[in-house]
PDB file of N, CA and C in Angstrom:
ATOM      1  N   MET A   1      15.817  37.433  22.781  1.00  0.00           N
ATOM      2  CA  MET A   1      17.011  37.423  21.976  1.00  0.00           C
ATOM      3  C   MET A   1      18.146  36.540  22.688  1.00  0.00           C
ATOM      4  N   LEU A   2      18.169  36.756  24.011  1.00  0.00           N
ATOM      5  CA  LEU A   2      19.260  36.103  24.658  1.00  0.00           C
ATOM      6  C   LEU A   2      18.995  34.520  24.683  1.00  0.00           C
ATOM      7  N   ALA A   3      17.728  34.130  24.818  1.00  0.00           N
ATOM      8  CA  ALA A   3      17.375  32.745  24.838  1.00  0.00           C
ATOM      9  C   ALA A   3      17.647  32.163  23.449  1.00  0.00           C
ATOM     10  N   ALA A   4      17.360  32.988  22.373  1.00  0.00           N
ATOM     11  CA  ALA A   4      17.694  32.404  21.034  1.00  0.00           C
ATOM     12  C   ALA A   4      19.172  32.279  20.794  1.00  0.00           C
ATOM     13  N   THR A   5      19.962  33.233  21.343  1.00  0.00           N
ATOM     14  CA  THR A   5      21.439  33.029  21.204  1.00  0.00           C
ATOM     15  C   THR A   5      21.929  31.830  21.998  1.00  0.00           C
ATOM     16  N   ILE A   6      21.471  31.607  23.247  1.00  0.00           N
ATOM     17  CA  ILE A   6      21.720  30.392  23.910  1.00  0.00           C
ATOM     18  C   ILE A   6      21.484  29.171  23.149  1.00  0.00           C
ATOM     19  N   GLY A   7      20.207  29.114  22.541  1.00  0.00           N
ATOM     20  CA  GLY A   7      19.841  27.999  21.722  1.00  0.00           C
ATOM     21  C   GLY A   7      20.713  27.704  20.595  1.00  0.00           C
ATOM     22  N   VAL A   8      21.120  28.669  19.771  1.00  0.00           N
ATOM     23  CA  VAL A   8      21.895  28.577  18.736  1.00  0.00           C
ATOM     24  C   VAL A   8      23.290  28.104  19.182  1.00  0.00           C
ATOM     25  N   LEU A   9      23.838  28.698  20.142  1.00  0.00           N
ATOM     26  CA  LEU A   9      25.113  28.284  20.733  1.00  0.00           C
ATOM     27  C   LEU A   9      25.065  26.853  21.283  1.00  0.00           C
ATOM     28  N   PHE A  10      24.006  26.450  21.878  1.00  0.00           N
ATOM     29  CA  PHE A  10      23.811  25.066  22.347  1.00  0.00           C
ATOM     30  C   PHE A  10      23.837  24.148  21.136  1.00  0.00           C
ATOM     31  N   VAL A  11      23.121  24.385  20.015  1.00  0.00           N
ATOM     32  CA  VAL A  11      23.165  23.507  18.883  1.00  0.00           C
ATOM     33  C   VAL A  11      24.390  23.335  18.241  1.00  0.00           C
ATOM     34  N   LEU A  12      25.187  24.477  18.158  1.00  0.00           N
ATOM     35  CA  LEU A  12      26.565  24.520  17.532  1.00  0.00           C
ATOM     36  C   LEU A  12      27.576  23.705  18.364  1.00  0.00           C
ATOM     37  N   LEU A  13      27.343  24.038  19.685  1.00  0.00           N
ATOM     38  CA  LEU A  13      28.343  23.256  20.596  1.00  0.00           C
ATOM     39  C   LEU A  13      28.075  21.767  20.663  1.00  0.00           C
ATOM     40  N   THR A  14      26.899  21.385  20.700  1.00  0.00           N
ATOM     41  CA  THR A  14      26.565  19.987  20.722  1.00  0.00           C
ATOM     42  C   THR A  14      26.940  19.260  19.405  1.00  0.00           C
ATOM     43  N   THR A  15      26.658  19.956  18.303  1.00  0.00           N
ATOM     44  CA  THR A  15      27.011  19.360  16.960  1.00  0.00           C
ATOM     45  C   THR A  15      28.420  19.346  16.538  1.00  0.00           C
ATOM     46  N   TYR A  16      29.167  20.466  16.854  1.00  0.00           N
ATOM     47  CA  TYR A  16      30.583  20.597  16.403  1.00  0.00           C
ATOM     48  C   TYR A  16      31.542  20.847  17.451  1.00  0.00           C
ATOM     49  N   GLY A  17      31.184  21.268  18.595  1.00  0.00           N
ATOM     50  CA  GLY A  17      32.172  21.806  19.500  1.00  0.00           C
ATOM     51  C   GLY A  17      32.678  20.846  20.612  1.00  0.00           C
ATOM     52  N   LEU A  18      32.022  19.744  20.953  1.00  0.00           N
ATOM     53  CA  LEU A  18      32.465  18.824  21.912  1.00  0.00           C
ATOM     54  C   LEU A  18      33.293  17.722  21.236  1.00  0.00           C
ATOM     55  N   PRO A  19      34.433  17.392  21.793  1.00  0.00           N
ATOM     56  CA  PRO A  19      35.238  16.392  21.168  1.00  0.00           C
ATOM     57  C   PRO A  19      34.783  14.967  21.653  1.00  0.00           C
ATOM     58  N   GLN A  20      35.318  13.948  21.010  1.00  0.00           N
ATOM     59  CA  GLN A  20      35.064  12.532  21.387  1.00  0.00           C
ATOM     60  C   GLN A  20      35.757  12.390  22.823  1.00  0.00           C
ATOM     61  N   GLU A  21      35.154  11.503  23.592  1.00  0.00           N
ATOM     62  CA  GLU A  21      35.811  11.199  24.780  1.00  0.00           C
ATOM     63  C   GLU A  21      36.945  10.228  24.557  1.00  0.00           C
ATOM     64  N   ALA A  22      38.162  10.656  24.546  1.00  0.00           N
ATOM     65  CA  ALA A  22      39.261   9.814  24.292  1.00  0.00           C
ATOM     66  C   ALA A  22      40.371  10.175  25.267  1.00  0.00           C
ATOM     67  N   ALA A  23      41.480   9.424  25.157  1.00  0.00           N
ATOM     68  CA  ALA A  23      42.617   9.810  25.963  1.00  0.00           C
ATOM     69  C   ALA A  23      43.021  11.202  25.952  1.00  0.00           C
ATOM     70  N   VAL A  24      43.392  11.692  26.996  1.00  0.00           N
ATOM     71  CA  VAL A  24      43.889  13.197  27.054  1.00  0.00           C
ATOM     72  C   VAL A  24      45.297  13.345  26.456  1.00  0.00           C
ATOM     73  N   GLN A  25      46.124  12.369  26.675  1.00  0.00           N
ATOM     74  CA  GLN A  25      47.445  12.537  26.205  1.00  0.00           C
ATOM     75  C   GLN A  25      47.817  11.235  25.396  1.00  0.00           C
ATOM     76  N   GLN A  26      48.774  11.440  24.524  1.00  0.00           N
ATOM     77  CA  GLN A  26      49.290  10.382  23.709  1.00  0.00           C
ATOM     78  C   GLN A  26      50.776  10.366  23.970  1.00  0.00           C
ATOM     79  N   VAL A  27      51.320   9.235  24.342  1.00  0.00           N
ATOM     80  CA  VAL A  27      52.767   9.020  24.569  1.00  0.00           C
ATOM     81  C   VAL A  27      53.403   8.158  23.515  1.00  0.00           C
ATOM     82  N   THR A  28      54.416   8.738  22.771  1.00  0.00           N
ATOM     83  CA  THR A  28      55.143   8.049  21.825  1.00  0.00           C
ATOM     84  C   THR A  28      56.558   7.944  22.160  1.00  0.00           C
ATOM     85  N   GLY A  29      57.230   6.856  21.748  1.00  0.00           N
ATOM     86  CA  GLY A  29      58.638   6.708  22.128  1.00  0.00           C
ATOM     87  C   GLY A  29      59.339   5.986  21.030  1.00  0.00           C
ATOM     88  N   ALA A  30      60.729   6.219  21.041  1.00  0.00           N
ATOM     89  CA  ALA A  30      61.564   5.476  20.111  1.00  0.00           C
ATOM     90  C   ALA A  30      62.524   4.544  20.930  1.00  0.00           C
ATOM     91  N   ILE A  31      62.491   3.282  20.704  1.00  0.00           N
ATOM     92  CA  ILE A  31      63.423   2.405  21.256  1.00  0.00           C
ATOM     93  C   ILE A  31      64.507   2.089  20.259  1.00  0.00           C
ATOM     94  N   PRO A  32      65.727   2.182  20.688  1.00  0.00           N
ATOM     95  CA  PRO A  32      66.856   2.009  19.782  1.00  0.00           C
ATOM     96  C   PRO A  32      66.713   0.612  19.163  1.00  0.00           C
ATOM     97  N   ALA A  33      67.126   0.438  17.834  1.00  0.00           N
ATOM     98  CA  ALA A  33      66.994  -0.674  17.215  1.00  0.00           C
ATOM     99  C   ALA A  33      68.006  -1.797  17.631  1.00  0.00           C
ATOM    100  N   ALA A  34      69.250  -1.345  17.831  1.00  0.00           N
ATOM    101  CA  ALA A  34      70.232  -2.236  18.456  1.00  0.00           C
ATOM    102  C   ALA A  34      70.405  -1.899  19.975  1.00  0.00           C
ATOM    103  N   VAL A  35      70.292  -2.856  20.708  1.00  0.00           N
ATOM    104  CA  VAL A  35      70.444  -2.718  22.196  1.00  0.00           C
ATOM    105  C   VAL A  35      71.940  -2.782  22.428  1.00  0.00           C
ATOM    106  N   ALA A  36      72.507  -1.686  22.936  1.00  0.00           N
ATOM    107  CA  ALA A  36      73.894  -1.619  23.346  1.00  0.00           C
ATOM    108  C   ALA A  36      74.254  -2.150  24.612  1.00  0.00           C
ATOM    109  N   GLU A  37      75.557  -2.293  24.893  1.00  0.00           N
ATOM    110  CA  GLU A  37      75.909  -2.830  26.213  1.00  0.00           C
ATOM    111  C   GLU A  37      75.495  -1.912  27.342  1.00  0.00           C
ATOM    112  N   ARG A  38      75.647  -0.659  27.146  1.00  0.00           N
ATOM    113  CA  ARG A  38      75.284   0.380  28.142  1.00  0.00           C
ATOM    114  C   ARG A  38      73.902   0.895  27.750  1.00  0.00           C
ATOM    115  N   PRO A  39      73.195   1.354  28.778  1.00  0.00           N
ATOM    116  CA  PRO A  39      71.799   1.795  28.477  1.00  0.00           C
ATOM    117  C   PRO A  39      71.799   3.180  27.760  1.00  0.00           C
ATOM    118  N   GLN A  40      70.882   3.234  26.834  1.00  0.00           N
ATOM    119  CA  GLN A  40      70.811   4.453  26.097  1.00  0.00           C
ATOM    120  C   GLN A  40      69.512   5.156  26.469  1.00  0.00           C
ATOM    121  N   PRO A  41      69.491   6.468  26.424  1.00  0.00           N
ATOM    122  CA  PRO A  41      68.292   7.244  26.737  1.00  0.00           C
ATOM    123  C   PRO A  41      67.221   7.132  25.649  1.00  0.00           C
ATOM    124  N   ILE A  42      65.964   6.986  26.055  1.00  0.00           N
ATOM    125  CA  ILE A  42      64.779   6.904  25.183  1.00  0.00           C
ATOM    126  C   ILE A  42      64.057   8.306  25.312  1.00  0.00           C
ATOM    127  N   THR A  43      63.777   8.770  24.129  1.00  0.00           N
ATOM    128  CA  THR A  43      63.061  10.011  24.091  1.00  0.00           C
ATOM    129  C   THR A  43      61.546   9.726  23.943  1.00  0.00           C
ATOM    130  N   LEU A  44      60.783  10.283  24.915  1.00  0.00           N
ATOM    131  CA  LEU A  44      59.346  10.168  24.809  1.00  0.00           C
ATOM    132  C   LEU A  44      58.702  11.558  24.622  1.00  0.00           C
ATOM    133  N   GLU A  45      57.642  11.608  23.842  1.00  0.00           N
ATOM    134  CA  GLU A  45      56.968  12.836  23.535  1.00  0.00           C
ATOM    135  C   GLU A  45      55.595  12.721  23.919  1.00  0.00           C
ATOM    136  N   VAL A  46      55.188  13.633  24.807  1.00  0.00           N
ATOM    137  CA  VAL A  46      53.781  13.564  25.265  1.00  0.00           C
ATOM    138  C   VAL A  46      53.050  14.855  24.659  1.00  0.00           C
ATOM    139  N   ARG A  47      52.027  14.503  23.946  1.00  0.00           N
ATOM    140  CA  ARG A  47      51.204  15.495  23.270  1.00  0.00           C
ATOM    141  C   ARG A  47      49.738  15.191  23.410  1.00  0.00           C
ATOM    142  N   PRO A  48      48.960  16.230  23.470  1.00  0.00           N
ATOM    143  CA  PRO A  48      47.526  15.950  23.596  1.00  0.00           C
ATOM    144  C   PRO A  48      46.974  15.370  22.348  1.00  0.00           C
ATOM    145  N   VAL A  49      45.955  14.553  22.467  1.00  0.00           N
ATOM    146  CA  VAL A  49      45.305  14.043  21.277  1.00  0.00           C
ATOM    147  C   VAL A  49      44.406  15.039  20.641  1.00  0.00           C
ATOM    148  N   PRO A  50      44.407  15.209  19.390  1.00  0.00           N
ATOM    149  CA  PRO A  50      43.570  16.205  18.740  1.00  0.00           C
ATOM    150  C   PRO A  50      42.087  16.163  19.078  1.00  0.00           C
ATOM    151  N   ALA A  51      41.448  17.207  19.332  1.00  0.00           N
ATOM    152  CA  ALA A  51      40.025  17.323  19.712  1.00  0.00           C
ATOM    153  C   ALA A  51      39.235  17.282  18.445  1.00  0.00           C
ATOM    154  N   VAL A  52      38.573  16.116  18.148  1.00  0.00           N
ATOM    155  CA  VAL A  52      37.690  16.082  17.005  1.00  0.00           C
ATOM    156  C   VAL A  52      36.355  15.652  17.470  1.00  0.00           C
ATOM    157  N   PRO A  53      35.387  16.144  16.682  1.00  0.00           N
ATOM    158  CA  PRO A  53      34.002  15.619  17.105  1.00  0.00           C
ATOM    159  C   PRO A  53      33.710  14.199  16.822  1.00  0.00           C
ATOM    160  N   PRO A  54      32.846  13.571  17.472  1.00  0.00           N
ATOM    161  CA  PRO A  54      32.517  12.194  17.121  1.00  0.00           C
ATOM    162  C   PRO A  54      31.791  11.961  15.780  1.00  0.00           C
ATOM    163  N   PRO A  55      31.532  10.852  15.398  1.00  0.00           N
ATOM    164  CA  PRO A  55      30.774  10.620  14.139  1.00  0.00           C
ATOM    165  C   PRO A  55      29.406  11.272  14.248  1.00  0.00           C
ATOM    166  N   PRO A  56      28.756  11.699  13.102  1.00  0.00           N
ATOM    167  CA  PRO A  56      27.489  12.344  13.155  1.00  0.00           C
ATOM    168  C   PRO A  56      26.475  11.611  13.913  1.00  0.00           C
ATOM    169  N   ASP A  57      26.386  10.289  13.864  1.00  0.00           N
ATOM    170  CA  ASP A  57      25.290   9.547  14.535  1.00  0.00           C
ATOM    171  C   ASP A  57      25.523   9.420  16.026  1.00  0.00           C
ATOM    172  N   GLN A  58      26.675   9.961  16.607  1.00  0.00           N
ATOM    173  CA  GLN A  58      26.899   9.862  18.026  1.00  0.00           C
ATOM    174  C   GLN A  58      26.951  11.299  18.658  1.00  0.00           C
ATOM    175  N   ARG A  59      26.569  12.279  17.898  1.00  0.00           N
ATOM    176  CA  ARG A  59      26.750  13.670  18.403  1.00  0.00           C
ATOM    177  C   ARG A  59      25.560  14.049  19.310  1.00  0.00           C
ATOM    178  N   TRP A  60      24.371  13.594  19.129  1.00  0.00           N
ATOM    179  CA  TRP A  60      23.276  14.012  19.894  1.00  0.00           C
ATOM    180  C   TRP A  60      22.910  12.955  20.881  1.00  0.00           C
ATOM    181  N   THR A  61      23.639  13.004  22.159  1.00  0.00           N
ATOM    182  CA  THR A  61      23.294  12.101  23.239  1.00  0.00           C
ATOM    183  C   THR A  61      22.863  12.998  24.386  1.00  0.00           C
ATOM    184  N   ALA A  62      22.206  12.385  25.278  1.00  0.00           N
ATOM    185  CA  ALA A  62      21.816  13.191  26.465  1.00  0.00           C
ATOM    186  C   ALA A  62      23.055  13.671  27.230  1.00  0.00           C
ATOM    187  N   GLU A  63      24.110  12.957  27.354  1.00  0.00           N
ATOM    188  CA  GLU A  63      25.282  13.302  28.042  1.00  0.00           C
ATOM    189  C   GLU A  63      25.956  14.580  27.355  1.00  0.00           C
ATOM    190  N   ARG A  64      26.043  14.508  26.034  1.00  0.00           N
ATOM    191  CA  ARG A  64      26.662  15.544  25.244  1.00  0.00           C
ATOM    192  C   ARG A  64      25.817  16.816  25.347  1.00  0.00           C
ATOM    193  N   ALA A  65      24.446  16.683  25.266  1.00  0.00           N
ATOM    194  CA  ALA A  65      23.520  17.828  25.391  1.00  0.00           C
ATOM    195  C   ALA A  65      23.605  18.428  26.703  1.00  0.00           C
ATOM    196  N   GLY A  66      23.736  17.735  27.751  1.00  0.00           N
ATOM    197  CA  GLY A  66      23.734  18.289  29.105  1.00  0.00           C
ATOM    198  C   GLY A  66      25.108  18.944  29.243  1.00  0.00           C
ATOM    199  N   LYS A  67      26.171  18.384  28.842  1.00  0.00           N
ATOM    200  CA  LYS A  67      27.544  19.109  28.852  1.00  0.00           C
ATOM    201  C   LYS A  67      27.511  20.333  28.025  1.00  0.00           C
ATOM    202  N   ALA A  68      26.891  20.252  26.894  1.00  0.00           N
ATOM    203  CA  ALA A  68      26.859  21.449  26.049  1.00  0.00           C
ATOM    204  C   ALA A  68      26.100  22.676  26.713  1.00  0.00           C
ATOM    205  N   ILE A  69      24.926  22.341  27.274  1.00  0.00           N
ATOM    206  CA  ILE A  69      24.093  23.455  27.879  1.00  0.00           C
ATOM    207  C   ILE A  69      24.762  24.029  29.160  1.00  0.00           C
ATOM    208  N   ARG A  70      25.551  23.182  29.931  1.00  0.00           N
ATOM    209  CA  ARG A  70      26.350  23.760  31.044  1.00  0.00           C
ATOM    210  C   ARG A  70      27.497  24.622  30.470  1.00  0.00           C
ATOM    211  N   ILE A  71      28.090  24.307  29.405  1.00  0.00           N
ATOM    212  CA  ILE A  71      29.173  25.077  28.926  1.00  0.00           C
ATOM    213  C   ILE A  71      28.649  26.384  28.293  1.00  0.00           C
ATOM    214  N   VAL A  72      27.445  26.230  27.579  1.00  0.00           N
ATOM    215  CA  VAL A  72      26.893  27.529  26.943  1.00  0.00           C
ATOM    216  C   VAL A  72      26.439  28.533  28.023  1.00  0.00           C
ATOM    217  N   LEU A  73      25.735  27.984  28.965  1.00  0.00           N
ATOM    218  CA  LEU A  73      25.306  28.877  30.078  1.00  0.00           C
ATOM    219  C   LEU A  73      26.422  29.415  30.869  1.00  0.00           C
ATOM    220  N   GLY A  74      27.494  28.651  31.078  1.00  0.00           N
ATOM    221  CA  GLY A  74      28.631  29.132  31.672  1.00  0.00           C
ATOM    222  C   GLY A  74      29.387  30.224  30.871  1.00  0.00           C
ATOM    223  N   SER A  75      29.449  30.050  29.586  1.00  0.00           N
ATOM    224  CA  SER A  75      30.119  31.049  28.795  1.00  0.00           C
ATOM    225  C   SER A  75      29.280  32.439  28.676  1.00  0.00           C
ATOM    226  N   VAL A  76      27.926  32.179  28.574  1.00  0.00           N
ATOM    227  CA  VAL A  76      27.075  33.393  28.334  1.00  0.00           C
ATOM    228  C   VAL A  76      26.859  34.211  29.648  1.00  0.00           C
ATOM    229  N   ILE A  77      26.582  33.462  30.735  1.00  0.00           N
ATOM    230  CA  ILE A  77      26.195  34.147  32.005  1.00  0.00           C
ATOM    231  C   ILE A  77      27.306  34.104  33.035  1.00  0.00           C
ATOM    232  N   PHE A  78      27.856  33.063  33.307  1.00  0.00           N
ATOM    233  CA  PHE A  78      28.757  32.950  34.399  1.00  0.00           C
ATOM    234  C   PHE A  78      30.249  33.081  34.084  1.00  0.00           C
ATOM    235  N   ARG A  79      30.528  33.011  32.750  1.00  0.00           N
ATOM    236  CA  ARG A  79      31.902  33.277  32.328  1.00  0.00           C
ATOM    237  C   ARG A  79      33.042  32.204  32.757  1.00  0.00           C
ATOM    238  N   ASP A  80      32.618  30.939  32.773  1.00  0.00           N
ATOM    239  CA  ASP A  80      33.594  30.047  33.177  1.00  0.00           C
ATOM    240  C   ASP A  80      33.624  28.788  32.256  1.00  0.00           C
ATOM    241  N   THR A  81      34.790  28.436  31.779  1.00  0.00           N
ATOM    242  CA  THR A  81      34.845  27.139  31.043  1.00  0.00           C
ATOM    243  C   THR A  81      36.295  26.623  31.112  1.00  0.00           C
ATOM    244  N   ASP A  82      36.375  25.379  31.548  1.00  0.00           N
ATOM    245  CA  ASP A  82      37.715  24.708  31.546  1.00  0.00           C
ATOM    246  C   ASP A  82      37.572  23.421  30.803  1.00  0.00           C
ATOM    247  N   GLN A  83      36.714  23.348  29.837  1.00  0.00           N
ATOM    248  CA  GLN A  83      36.355  22.124  29.078  1.00  0.00           C
ATOM    249  C   GLN A  83      37.351  22.031  27.802  1.00  0.00           C
ATOM    250  N   ARG A  84      37.606  20.868  27.515  1.00  0.00           N
ATOM    251  CA  ARG A  84      38.302  20.642  26.296  1.00  0.00           C
ATOM    252  C   ARG A  84      37.353  20.647  25.131  1.00  0.00           C
ATOM    253  N   LEU A  85      37.587  21.477  24.139  1.00  0.00           N
ATOM    254  CA  LEU A  85      36.727  21.701  23.008  1.00  0.00           C
ATOM    255  C   LEU A  85      37.396  21.604  21.737  1.00  0.00           C
ATOM    256  N   THR A  86      36.702  21.406  20.597  1.00  0.00           N
ATOM    257  CA  THR A  86      37.278  21.473  19.256  1.00  0.00           C
ATOM    258  C   THR A  86      37.524  22.818  18.973  1.00  0.00           C
ATOM    259  N   ALA A  87      38.186  23.155  17.791  1.00  0.00           N
ATOM    260  CA  ALA A  87      38.389  24.529  17.319  1.00  0.00           C
ATOM    261  C   ALA A  87      37.026  25.311  17.154  1.00  0.00           C
ATOM    262  N   ALA A  88      36.038  24.511  16.590  1.00  0.00           N
ATOM    263  CA  ALA A  88      34.686  25.185  16.380  1.00  0.00           C
ATOM    264  C   ALA A  88      33.984  25.514  17.855  1.00  0.00           C
ATOM    265  N   GLY A  89      34.261  24.562  18.777  1.00  0.00           N
ATOM    266  CA  GLY A  89      33.745  24.757  20.077  1.00  0.00           C
ATOM    267  C   GLY A  89      34.358  25.995  20.718  1.00  0.00           C
ATOM    268  N   THR A  90      35.663  26.212  20.617  1.00  0.00           N
ATOM    269  CA  THR A  90      36.241  27.352  21.230  1.00  0.00           C
ATOM    270  C   THR A  90      35.786  28.641  20.704  1.00  0.00           C
ATOM    271  N   TRP A  91      35.578  28.640  19.351  1.00  0.00           N
ATOM    272  CA  TRP A  91      35.004  29.862  18.725  1.00  0.00           C
ATOM    273  C   TRP A  91      33.465  30.193  19.133  1.00  0.00           C
ATOM    274  N   THR A  92      32.756  29.028  19.413  1.00  0.00           N
ATOM    275  CA  THR A  92      31.423  29.087  19.812  1.00  0.00           C
ATOM    276  C   THR A  92      31.391  29.677  21.192  1.00  0.00           C
ATOM    277  N   VAL A  93      32.135  29.238  22.066  1.00  0.00           N
ATOM    278  CA  VAL A  93      32.236  29.837  23.431  1.00  0.00           C
ATOM    279  C   VAL A  93      32.751  31.164  23.417  1.00  0.00           C
ATOM    280  N   MET A  94      33.660  31.569  22.582  1.00  0.00           N
ATOM    281  CA  MET A  94      34.036  32.990  22.509  1.00  0.00           C
ATOM    282  C   MET A  94      32.908  33.946  22.032  1.00  0.00           C
ATOM    283  N   ALA A  95      32.105  33.326  21.079  1.00  0.00           N
ATOM    284  CA  ALA A  95      30.994  34.190  20.707  1.00  0.00           C
ATOM    285  C   ALA A  95      29.936  34.328  21.769  1.00  0.00           C
ATOM    286  N   GLY A  96      29.806  33.333  22.563  1.00  0.00           N
ATOM    287  CA  GLY A  96      28.911  33.374  23.715  1.00  0.00           C
ATOM    288  C   GLY A  96      29.417  34.406  24.718  1.00  0.00           C
ATOM    289  N   ARG A  97      30.744  34.450  24.910  1.00  0.00           N
ATOM    290  CA  ARG A  97      31.332  35.360  25.867  1.00  0.00           C
ATOM    291  C   ARG A  97      31.170  36.808  25.408  1.00  0.00           C
ATOM    292  N   ALA A  98      31.131  37.002  24.061  1.00  0.00           N
ATOM    293  CA  ALA A  98      31.024  38.386  23.565  1.00  0.00           C
ATOM    294  C   ALA A  98      29.520  38.814  23.451  1.00  0.00           C
ATOM    295  N   LEU A  99      28.646  37.894  23.057  1.00  0.00           N
ATOM    296  CA  LEU A  99      27.219  38.229  22.981  1.00  0.00           C
ATOM    297  C   LEU A  99      26.466  38.254  24.210  1.00  0.00           C
ATOM    298  N   GLY A 100      26.820  37.332  25.128  1.00  0.00           N
ATOM    299  CA  GLY A 100      26.083  37.231  26.438  1.00  0.00           C
ATOM    300  C   GLY A 100      26.020  38.409  27.182  1.00  0.00           C
ATOM    301  N   PRO A 101      27.016  39.084  27.562  1.00  0.00           N
ATOM    302  CA  PRO A 101      27.022  40.277  28.363  1.00  0.00           C
ATOM    303  C   PRO A 101      26.339  41.426  27.636  1.00  0.00           C
ATOM    304  N   LEU A 102      26.491  41.544  26.278  1.00  0.00           N
ATOM    305  CA  LEU A 102      25.964  42.586  25.579  1.00  0.00           C
ATOM    306  C   LEU A 102      24.362  42.402  25.588  1.00  0.00           C
ATOM    307  N   LEU A 103      23.867  41.231  25.283  1.00  0.00           N
ATOM    308  CA  LEU A 103      22.404  41.026  25.359  1.00  0.00           C
ATOM    309  C   LEU A 103      21.907  41.153  26.781  1.00  0.00           C
ATOM    310  N   LEU A 104      22.584  40.793  27.755  1.00  0.00           N
ATOM    311  CA  LEU A 104      22.122  40.955  29.103  1.00  0.00           C
ATOM    312  C   LEU A 104      22.000  42.478  29.411  1.00  0.00           C
ATOM    313  N   ALA A 105      22.987  43.205  28.972  1.00  0.00           N
ATOM    314  CA  ALA A 105      22.924  44.745  29.204  1.00  0.00           C
ATOM    315  C   ALA A 105      21.757  45.330  28.523  1.00  0.00           C
ATOM    316  N   LEU A 106      21.620  44.975  27.281  1.00  0.00           N
ATOM    317  CA  LEU A 106      20.471  45.493  26.499  1.00  0.00           C
ATOM    318  C   LEU A 106      19.093  45.085  27.204  1.00  0.00           C
ATOM    319  N   ALA A 107      19.001  43.912  27.706  1.00  0.00           N
ATOM    320  CA  ALA A 107      17.843  43.511  28.459  1.00  0.00           C
ATOM    321  C   ALA A 107      17.536  44.329  29.634  1.00  0.00           C
ATOM    322  N   ALA A 108      18.648  44.558  30.343  1.00  0.00           N
ATOM    323  CA  ALA A 108      18.552  45.433  31.554  1.00  0.00           C
ATOM    324  C   ALA A 108      18.063  46.840  31.195  1.00  0.00           C
ATOM    325  N   LEU A 109      18.610  47.459  30.062  1.00  0.00           N
ATOM    326  CA  LEU A 109      18.140  48.763  29.736  1.00  0.00           C
ATOM    327  C   LEU A 109      16.834  48.770  29.243  1.00  0.00           C
ATOM    328  N   ALA A 110      16.355  47.738  28.581  1.00  0.00           N
ATOM    329  CA  ALA A 110      14.891  47.646  28.225  1.00  0.00           C
ATOM    330  C   ALA A 110      13.965  47.557  29.479  1.00  0.00           C
ATOM    331  N   ILE A 111      14.334  46.860  30.308  1.00  0.00           N
ATOM    332  CA  ILE A 111      13.493  46.691  31.571  1.00  0.00           C
ATOM    333  C   ILE A 111      13.514  48.041  32.311  1.00  0.00           C
ATOM    334  N   ARG A 112      14.673  48.588  32.387  1.00  0.00           N
ATOM    335  CA  ARG A 112      14.807  49.943  33.059  1.00  0.00           C
ATOM    336  C   ARG A 112      13.881  51.029  32.417  1.00  0.00           C
ATOM    337  N   ALA A 113      13.877  50.936  30.947  1.00  0.00           N
ATOM    338  CA  ALA A 113      13.032  51.955  30.277  1.00  0.00           C
ATOM    339  C   ALA A 113      11.554  51.710  30.584  1.00  0.00           C
ATOM    340  N   ARG A 114      11.099  50.462  30.552  1.00  0.00           N
ATOM    341  CA  ARG A 114       9.786  50.058  30.950  1.00  0.00           C
ATOM    342  C   ARG A 114       9.314  50.572  32.312  1.00  0.00           C
ATOM    343  N   VAL A 115      10.178  50.341  33.310  1.00  0.00           N
ATOM    344  CA  VAL A 115       9.845  50.582  34.567  1.00  0.00           C
ATOM    345  C   VAL A 115       9.879  52.109  34.945  1.00  0.00           C
ATOM    346  N   LYS A 116      10.704  52.758  34.290  1.00  0.00           N
ATOM    347  CA  LYS A 116      11.015  54.241  34.444  1.00  0.00           C
ATOM    348  C   LYS A 116       9.662  55.044  34.055  1.00  0.00           C
ATOM    349  N   ARG A 117       8.889  54.590  33.090  1.00  0.00           N
ATOM    350  CA  ARG A 117       7.755  55.388  32.634  1.00  0.00           C
ATOM    351  C   ARG A 117       6.707  55.496  33.557  1.00  0.00           C
TER     352      ARG A 117
END
């Protein structure tokens, strides 16, 4: 059951969860239309680029699959992720974090019940 959960999370994360490889930040600024005699401040806004998945024909690559399996195993077993994900990817990792320990505990109880007899 744990392997099936990892498989489903892997497919979901590879298909919908990993964003395109793009610039991490976007800088926009406004330059005054009229240049005055004295310098005027320019306001710059730095914000992250939205995390969107790539086009459907570019979603299943070896690089994305490897990254997805590392993230899924990290979320289910080792509980680590510092990856930039789409909204669907964030929910997928959260599901893995909830289901992983539960299924590992049930597997441990099942093994214990078999060995105890």
